[in-house]
Amino acid sequence: MKIPFLGALYEVSDLTHTLDPSNPSWEGGCAFSHQTLPECEEFGFCVQRIEMEAGAGTHMDAPLHCIQGGKDIAQNPLEKLLV
């Protein structure tokens, strides 16, 4: 898919990975879990529990995450992520 940005057309590639229990974590355990709780049948509506570690899933860390005085995510212009 091509999108216009700053007067040019860019090809967009979706780098999203689906969250599931096989996603890796820093500690080697389960980074993501999802379950429908039993109350679904008992109360007639579904309650879901979603647990995930911070940093799980597709995301971008800002330099500030690892570098003292680095830029935060708002200081990284979108055009720097386009090739």
Protein backbone atom coordinates (compact mmCIF):
# COMPACT_ATOMS: atom_id res chain seq x y z
CA MET A 1 0.00 0.00 0.00
CA LYS A 2 1.31 3.46 -0.83
CA ILE A 3 0.59 6.51 1.31
CA PRO A 4 1.35 10.18 0.62
CA PHE A 5 3.61 11.92 3.12
CA LEU A 6 5.48 15.21 2.76
CA GLY A 7 4.76 15.38 -0.96
CA ALA A 8 5.98 11.88 -1.80
CA LEU A 9 4.40 8.42 -2.02
CA TYR A 10 5.77 5.78 0.33
CA GLU A 11 5.31 2.03 0.22
CA VAL A 12 4.03 0.91 3.63
CA SER A 13 4.98 -2.46 5.09
CA ASP A 14 3.08 -3.66 8.15
CA LEU A 15 5.67 -5.10 10.56
CA THR A 16 3.08 -6.04 13.18
CA HIS A 17 3.44 -9.46 14.81
CA THR A 18 0.38 -11.15 16.34
CA LEU A 19 0.51 -11.46 20.11
CA ASP A 20 0.41 -15.05 21.36
CA PRO A 21 1.96 -17.08 24.20
CA SER A 22 4.96 -18.06 22.05
CA ASN A 23 6.18 -14.43 21.90
CA PRO A 24 9.57 -14.17 23.61
CA SER A 25 10.21 -12.19 26.76
CA TRP A 26 13.38 -10.84 28.37
CA GLU A 27 13.11 -13.38 31.19
CA GLY A 28 12.34 -16.26 28.82
CA GLY A 29 8.81 -16.78 30.13
CA CYS A 30 5.46 -16.00 28.57
CA ALA A 31 5.29 -12.38 27.41
CA PHE A 32 1.56 -12.49 26.59
CA SER A 33 -1.48 -14.45 27.72
CA HIS A 34 -5.20 -14.13 26.99
CA GLN A 35 -8.06 -16.09 28.48
CA THR A 36 -11.85 -15.92 28.63
CA LEU A 37 -12.91 -16.33 32.26
CA PRO A 38 -15.59 -18.84 33.31
CA GLU A 39 -18.04 -16.04 34.20
CA CYS A 40 -18.98 -15.95 30.50
CA GLU A 41 -21.45 -18.80 30.89
CA GLU A 42 -22.47 -18.01 34.47
CA PHE A 43 -23.33 -14.31 33.98
CA GLY A 44 -24.18 -14.26 30.26
CA PHE A 45 -21.33 -11.94 29.25
CA CYS A 46 -17.68 -12.61 28.64
CA VAL A 47 -14.88 -11.30 30.79
CA GLN A 48 -11.40 -11.58 29.36
CA ARG A 49 -8.04 -11.41 31.09
CA ILE A 50 -5.09 -10.11 29.10
CA GLU A 51 -1.61 -10.10 30.63
CA MET A 52 1.55 -8.88 28.94
CA GLU A 53 4.95 -7.60 29.88
CA ALA A 54 5.87 -4.04 29.03
CA GLY A 55 7.74 -4.12 25.76
CA ALA A 56 5.96 -7.22 24.46
CA GLY A 57 4.68 -7.05 20.91
CA THR A 58 5.61 -4.87 17.99
CA HIS A 59 6.78 -1.46 19.16
CA MET A 60 9.57 1.07 18.87
CA ASP A 61 11.70 2.11 21.83
CA ALA A 62 12.83 5.71 21.93
CA PRO A 63 16.56 6.38 22.43
CA LEU A 64 15.62 7.78 25.88
CA HIS A 65 14.68 4.23 26.88
CA CYS A 66 18.37 3.23 26.88
CA ILE A 67 20.40 6.43 26.53
CA GLN A 68 20.45 9.11 29.22
CA GLY A 69 19.48 12.40 27.57
CA GLY A 70 18.28 10.59 24.41
CA LYS A 71 15.19 11.69 22.47
CA ASP A 72 11.76 10.59 23.63
CA ILE A 73 9.35 9.08 21.11
CA ALA A 74 7.67 12.44 20.36
CA GLN A 75 11.05 13.92 19.38
CA ASN A 76 11.63 11.30 16.66
CA PRO A 77 10.05 12.61 13.45
CA LEU A 78 8.01 10.14 11.40
CA GLU A 79 9.97 10.93 8.24
CA LYS A 80 13.09 9.43 9.90
CA LEU A 81 11.28 6.05 9.92
CA LEU A 82 10.56 6.09 6.18
CA VAL A 83 12.95 4.72 3.58
